Amino acid sequence: MPGLGQLGVLISRLRERTPGPIAEHQQVRIAAAGGGEYPVEPRPSPSPEHLRLLASCQSANPTSWSEIALCACLARLSVSTITEAHAVRVVGGRVEGPDAFRIVFTTPYVDVKVGVRGSTSSPLDPGIFPYPLGTGAVQDPAAYGKNLADFAIGEPFGMDSVSPTPDNEGIHWLVV
């Protein structure tokens, strides 16, 4: 399973972080070339639900397409620096059979709870999503999950990208 071998290390590192939100006045300093330091925004800790789901991924040893894709997506969301994934707060996620999964989250870019579904019957466009999805009839689940995390969930979007009416759980679904 590409990308999932490091999941245990990732979860250990996440648990070491201070729980709760990081105060606005706090800054993380990074050493730059020449010995200078530059302030950067601190990365918020993943939500408790996100950590719980990651731990479930580690203990479950994912084998189905949906389990691998879900776990890859959750793992990537917790470390990604490519887009705005750091601003996403996972509030739920689950496998929906062997070939589909969903993640529910909040983001500062819309004032609603957002969900996204991934499935083998909804392939991602390899011309848009950069992580290689493979050439088989079914896209590589780990790459699918990483692409969804970085370039769908992690991208800032507006209400025009989600369903205008929430479902019966109050979730607006992201159109990918």
C-alpha atoms as a PDB file:
ATOM      1  CA  MET A   1       0.000   0.000   0.000  1.00  0.00           C
ATOM      2  CA  PRO A   2       1.818   3.108  -1.164  1.00  0.00           C
ATOM      3  CA  GLY A   3       2.000   5.848   1.419  1.00  0.00           C
ATOM      4  CA  LEU A   4       0.388   3.913   4.256  1.00  0.00           C
ATOM      5  CA  GLY A   5       3.536   2.310   5.698  1.00  0.00           C
ATOM      6  CA  GLN A   6       4.397   5.526   7.514  1.00  0.00           C
ATOM      7  CA  LEU A   7       0.949   5.914   9.050  1.00  0.00           C
ATOM      8  CA  GLY A   8       2.030   4.671  12.499  1.00  0.00           C
ATOM      9  CA  VAL A   9       4.890   7.172  12.618  1.00  0.00           C
ATOM     10  CA  LEU A  10       2.539   9.927  11.492  1.00  0.00           C
ATOM     11  CA  ILE A  11      -0.020   9.140  14.188  1.00  0.00           C
ATOM     12  CA  SER A  12       2.686   9.062  16.876  1.00  0.00           C
ATOM     13  CA  ARG A  13       3.926  12.469  15.781  1.00  0.00           C
ATOM     14  CA  LEU A  14       0.403  13.901  15.728  1.00  0.00           C
ATOM     15  CA  ARG A  15      -0.270  12.671  19.266  1.00  0.00           C
ATOM     16  CA  GLU A  16       2.884  14.411  20.496  1.00  0.00           C
ATOM     17  CA  ARG A  17       1.484  17.770  19.450  1.00  0.00           C
ATOM     18  CA  THR A  18      -0.221  19.977  21.976  1.00  0.00           C
ATOM     19  CA  PRO A  19      -3.967  19.349  21.723  1.00  0.00           C
ATOM     20  CA  GLY A  20      -6.333  22.213  21.098  1.00  0.00           C
ATOM     21  CA  PRO A  21      -6.050  25.307  18.952  1.00  0.00           C
ATOM     22  CA  ILE A  22      -2.797  27.187  18.673  1.00  0.00           C
ATOM     23  CA  ALA A  23      -2.944  30.713  20.071  1.00  0.00           C
ATOM     24  CA  GLU A  24      -2.852  33.471  17.458  1.00  0.00           C
ATOM     25  CA  HIS A  25       0.194  35.109  18.977  1.00  0.00           C
ATOM     26  CA  GLN A  26       2.262  31.939  18.750  1.00  0.00           C
ATOM     27  CA  GLN A  27       4.646  31.635  15.816  1.00  0.00           C
ATOM     28  CA  VAL A  28       6.860  28.884  14.645  1.00  0.00           C
ATOM     29  CA  ARG A  29      10.343  29.874  13.532  1.00  0.00           C
ATOM     30  CA  ILE A  30      12.165  28.072  10.787  1.00  0.00           C
ATOM     31  CA  ALA A  31      15.858  28.302  10.059  1.00  0.00           C
ATOM     32  CA  ALA A  32      16.429  29.629   6.561  1.00  0.00           C
ATOM     33  CA  ALA A  33      19.519  29.649   4.402  1.00  0.00           C
ATOM     34  CA  GLY A  34      22.090  32.022   5.847  1.00  0.00           C
ATOM     35  CA  GLY A  35      20.914  31.427   9.391  1.00  0.00           C
ATOM     36  CA  GLY A  36      17.938  33.806   9.277  1.00  0.00           C
ATOM     37  CA  GLU A  37      14.551  33.025  10.787  1.00  0.00           C
ATOM     38  CA  TYR A  38      11.189  33.741   9.241  1.00  0.00           C
ATOM     39  CA  PRO A  39       7.790  33.575  10.947  1.00  0.00           C
ATOM     40  CA  VAL A  40       5.341  31.069   9.504  1.00  0.00           C
ATOM     41  CA  GLU A  41       1.797  30.277  10.431  1.00  0.00           C
ATOM     42  CA  PRO A  42       1.574  27.351  12.843  1.00  0.00           C
ATOM     43  CA  ARG A  43      -0.247  24.312  11.521  1.00  0.00           C
ATOM     44  CA  PRO A  44      -3.309  23.526  13.650  1.00  0.00           C
ATOM     45  CA  SER A  45      -3.499  20.057  15.134  1.00  0.00           C
ATOM     46  CA  PRO A  46      -5.891  17.664  13.398  1.00  0.00           C
ATOM     47  CA  SER A  47      -9.324  17.415  14.978  1.00  0.00           C
ATOM     48  CA  PRO A  48      -9.940  14.657  17.545  1.00  0.00           C
ATOM     49  CA  GLU A  49     -12.169  12.907  14.991  1.00  0.00           C
ATOM     50  CA  HIS A  50      -9.415  13.098  12.389  1.00  0.00           C
ATOM     51  CA  LEU A  51      -6.952  11.519  14.852  1.00  0.00           C
ATOM     52  CA  ARG A  52      -9.492   8.819  15.746  1.00  0.00           C
ATOM     53  CA  LEU A  53     -10.035   7.964  12.083  1.00  0.00           C
ATOM     54  CA  LEU A  54      -6.271   7.844  11.451  1.00  0.00           C
ATOM     55  CA  ALA A  55      -5.826   5.497  14.411  1.00  0.00           C
ATOM     56  CA  SER A  56      -8.609   3.287  13.016  1.00  0.00           C
ATOM     57  CA  CYS A  57      -6.780   3.169   9.699  1.00  0.00           C
ATOM     58  CA  GLN A  58      -3.619   2.013  11.423  1.00  0.00           C
ATOM     59  CA  SER A  59      -5.303  -0.696  13.471  1.00  0.00           C
ATOM     60  CA  ALA A  60      -7.578  -1.946  10.666  1.00  0.00           C
ATOM     61  CA  ASN A  61      -4.824  -2.692   8.108  1.00  0.00           C
ATOM     62  CA  PRO A  62      -6.834  -1.395   5.122  1.00  0.00           C
ATOM     63  CA  THR A  63      -7.251  -3.821   2.226  1.00  0.00           C
ATOM     64  CA  SER A  64     -10.261  -2.715   0.131  1.00  0.00           C
ATOM     65  CA  TRP A  65     -10.076   0.102  -2.391  1.00  0.00           C
ATOM     66  CA  SER A  66     -12.295   2.315  -0.226  1.00  0.00           C
ATOM     67  CA  GLU A  67     -10.324   1.674   2.988  1.00  0.00           C
ATOM     68  CA  ILE A  68      -6.992   2.425   1.310  1.00  0.00           C
ATOM     69  CA  ALA A  69      -8.315   5.570  -0.403  1.00  0.00           C
ATOM     70  CA  LEU A  70      -9.970   6.868   2.787  1.00  0.00           C
ATOM     71  CA  CYS A  71      -6.847   6.267   4.887  1.00  0.00           C
ATOM     72  CA  ALA A  72      -4.575   7.842   2.265  1.00  0.00           C
ATOM     73  CA  CYS A  73      -6.842  10.895   2.108  1.00  0.00           C
ATOM     74  CA  LEU A  74      -6.929  11.292   5.901  1.00  0.00           C
ATOM     75  CA  ALA A  75      -3.169  10.828   6.197  1.00  0.00           C
ATOM     76  CA  ARG A  76      -2.478  13.378   3.458  1.00  0.00           C
ATOM     77  CA  LEU A  77      -4.861  15.945   4.972  1.00  0.00           C
ATOM     78  CA  SER A  78      -2.933  15.789   8.245  1.00  0.00           C
ATOM     79  CA  VAL A  79       0.433  16.712   6.696  1.00  0.00           C
ATOM     80  CA  SER A  80      -0.217  18.474   3.393  1.00  0.00           C
ATOM     81  CA  THR A  81       1.399  21.836   2.775  1.00  0.00           C
ATOM     82  CA  ILE A  82       0.565  22.073  -0.928  1.00  0.00           C
ATOM     83  CA  THR A  83      -2.856  23.682  -0.587  1.00  0.00           C
ATOM     84  CA  GLU A  84      -5.017  24.873   2.313  1.00  0.00           C
ATOM     85  CA  ALA A  85      -5.543  21.388   3.743  1.00  0.00           C
ATOM     86  CA  HIS A  86      -4.192  22.614   7.088  1.00  0.00           C
ATOM     87  CA  ALA A  87      -7.352  24.700   7.494  1.00  0.00           C
ATOM     88  CA  VAL A  88      -9.693  21.711   7.075  1.00  0.00           C
ATOM     89  CA  ARG A  89     -11.224  20.159  10.206  1.00  0.00           C
ATOM     90  CA  VAL A  90     -12.389  16.587   9.634  1.00  0.00           C
ATOM     91  CA  VAL A  91     -15.660  15.908  11.460  1.00  0.00           C
ATOM     92  CA  GLY A  92     -16.413  12.467  10.038  1.00  0.00           C
ATOM     93  CA  GLY A  93     -15.490   9.825   7.548  1.00  0.00           C
ATOM     94  CA  ARG A  94     -16.407   6.292   6.676  1.00  0.00           C
ATOM     95  CA  VAL A  95     -16.194   3.530   4.141  1.00  0.00           C
ATOM     96  CA  GLU A  96     -19.367   2.971   2.140  1.00  0.00           C
ATOM     97  CA  GLY A  97     -18.754  -0.527   0.822  1.00  0.00           C
ATOM     98  CA  PRO A  98     -15.656  -1.890  -0.907  1.00  0.00           C
ATOM     99  CA  ASP A  99     -15.491   0.806  -3.564  1.00  0.00           C
ATOM    100  CA  ALA A 100     -16.645   4.095  -1.966  1.00  0.00           C
ATOM    101  CA  PHE A 101     -15.908   6.339   1.002  1.00  0.00           C
ATOM    102  CA  ARG A 102     -16.819   9.759   2.323  1.00  0.00           C
ATOM    103  CA  ILE A 103     -15.191  12.468   4.396  1.00  0.00           C
ATOM    104  CA  VAL A 104     -17.123  15.274   6.103  1.00  0.00           C
ATOM    105  CA  PHE A 105     -15.270  18.428   7.099  1.00  0.00           C
ATOM    106  CA  THR A 106     -15.428  22.128   7.790  1.00  0.00           C
ATOM    107  CA  THR A 107     -13.304  24.753   6.110  1.00  0.00           C
ATOM    108  CA  PRO A 108     -12.969  28.501   6.696  1.00  0.00           C
ATOM    109  CA  TYR A 109     -13.981  29.202   3.106  1.00  0.00           C
ATOM    110  CA  VAL A 110     -17.654  28.271   3.486  1.00  0.00           C
ATOM    111  CA  ASP A 111     -19.901  28.407   6.562  1.00  0.00           C
ATOM    112  CA  VAL A 112     -21.383  24.940   6.139  1.00  0.00           C
ATOM    113  CA  LYS A 113     -20.455  21.332   6.840  1.00  0.00           C
ATOM    114  CA  VAL A 114     -19.068  19.859   3.598  1.00  0.00           C
ATOM    115  CA  GLY A 115     -18.823  16.261   2.452  1.00  0.00           C
ATOM    116  CA  VAL A 116     -16.983  14.618  -0.410  1.00  0.00           C
ATOM    117  CA  ARG A 117     -17.430  11.104  -1.759  1.00  0.00           C
ATOM    118  CA  GLY A 118     -14.808   9.097  -3.551  1.00  0.00           C
ATOM    119  CA  SER A 119     -15.509   5.917  -5.459  1.00  0.00           C
ATOM    120  CA  THR A 120     -14.234   3.640  -8.167  1.00  0.00           C
ATOM    121  CA  SER A 121     -17.231   4.708 -10.279  1.00  0.00           C
ATOM    122  CA  SER A 122     -16.190   8.395 -10.043  1.00  0.00           C
ATOM    123  CA  PRO A 123     -12.658   8.459 -11.459  1.00  0.00           C
ATOM    124  CA  LEU A 124     -10.556  11.590 -11.112  1.00  0.00           C
ATOM    125  CA  ASP A 125      -9.312  13.323 -14.258  1.00  0.00           C
ATOM    126  CA  PRO A 126      -5.577  12.527 -14.568  1.00  0.00           C
ATOM    127  CA  GLY A 127      -5.160  15.736 -16.579  1.00  0.00           C
ATOM    128  CA  ILE A 128      -6.161  17.774 -13.507  1.00  0.00           C
ATOM    129  CA  PHE A 129      -5.009  15.667 -10.546  1.00  0.00           C
ATOM    130  CA  PRO A 130      -1.191  15.290 -10.530  1.00  0.00           C
ATOM    131  CA  TYR A 131      -0.522  12.192  -8.391  1.00  0.00           C
ATOM    132  CA  PRO A 132      -0.327   9.244 -10.835  1.00  0.00           C
ATOM    133  CA  LEU A 133      -3.618   7.370 -10.728  1.00  0.00           C
ATOM    134  CA  GLY A 134      -2.375   4.323 -12.636  1.00  0.00           C
ATOM    135  CA  THR A 135      -3.474   2.935 -15.961  1.00  0.00           C
ATOM    136  CA  GLY A 136      -5.819   0.175 -14.832  1.00  0.00           C
ATOM    137  CA  ALA A 137      -9.591   0.137 -15.059  1.00  0.00           C
ATOM    138  CA  VAL A 138      -9.724   1.192 -11.387  1.00  0.00           C
ATOM    139  CA  GLN A 139      -7.576   4.116 -10.234  1.00  0.00           C
ATOM    140  CA  ASP A 140      -4.880   3.567  -7.608  1.00  0.00           C
ATOM    141  CA  PRO A 141      -6.650   4.086  -4.246  1.00  0.00           C
ATOM    142  CA  ALA A 142      -3.718   5.712  -2.396  1.00  0.00           C
ATOM    143  CA  ALA A 143      -3.137   8.213  -5.223  1.00  0.00           C
ATOM    144  CA  TYR A 144      -6.890   8.830  -5.442  1.00  0.00           C
ATOM    145  CA  GLY A 145      -7.029   9.654  -1.717  1.00  0.00           C
ATOM    146  CA  LYS A 146      -3.988  11.946  -1.862  1.00  0.00           C
ATOM    147  CA  ASN A 147      -5.338  13.790  -4.920  1.00  0.00           C
ATOM    148  CA  LEU A 148      -8.713  14.271  -3.239  1.00  0.00           C
ATOM    149  CA  ALA A 149      -7.046  15.599  -0.062  1.00  0.00           C
ATOM    150  CA  ASP A 150      -4.750  18.089  -1.767  1.00  0.00           C
ATOM    151  CA  PHE A 151      -6.705  19.224  -4.795  1.00  0.00           C
ATOM    152  CA  ALA A 152     -10.372  18.939  -3.815  1.00  0.00           C
ATOM    153  CA  ILE A 153     -10.742  19.094  -0.023  1.00  0.00           C
ATOM    154  CA  GLY A 154      -7.641  21.243   0.525  1.00  0.00           C
ATOM    155  CA  GLU A 155      -8.355  23.760  -2.230  1.00  0.00           C
ATOM    156  CA  PRO A 156     -10.211  26.881  -1.161  1.00  0.00           C
ATOM    157  CA  PHE A 157     -13.678  26.829  -2.709  1.00  0.00           C
ATOM    158  CA  GLY A 158     -16.927  28.762  -2.474  1.00  0.00           C
ATOM    159  CA  MET A 159     -20.572  27.819  -2.132  1.00  0.00           C
ATOM    160  CA  ASP A 160     -20.797  27.489  -5.916  1.00  0.00           C
ATOM    161  CA  SER A 161     -18.735  24.278  -5.589  1.00  0.00           C
ATOM    162  CA  VAL A 162     -21.081  22.511  -3.173  1.00  0.00           C
ATOM    163  CA  SER A 163     -24.680  21.360  -3.360  1.00  0.00           C
ATOM    164  CA  PRO A 164     -26.933  24.346  -2.614  1.00  0.00           C
ATOM    165  CA  THR A 165     -29.224  22.336  -0.336  1.00  0.00           C
ATOM    166  CA  PRO A 166     -27.911  20.198   2.496  1.00  0.00           C
ATOM    167  CA  ASP A 167     -28.887  16.558   2.817  1.00  0.00           C
ATOM    168  CA  ASN A 168     -30.842  15.254   5.832  1.00  0.00           C
ATOM    169  CA  GLU A 169     -27.602  15.237   7.888  1.00  0.00           C
ATOM    170  CA  GLY A 170     -26.949  18.919   7.163  1.00  0.00           C
ATOM    171  CA  ILE A 171     -24.082  18.165   4.750  1.00  0.00           C
ATOM    172  CA  HIS A 172     -23.463  20.125   1.556  1.00  0.00           C
ATOM    173  CA  TRP A 173     -21.686  17.863  -0.946  1.00  0.00           C
ATOM    174  CA  LEU A 174     -18.596  19.040  -2.796  1.00  0.00           C
ATOM    175  CA  VAL A 175     -18.745  18.528  -6.543  1.00  0.00           C
ATOM    176  CA  VAL A 176     -15.417  17.073  -7.747  1.00  0.00           C
END
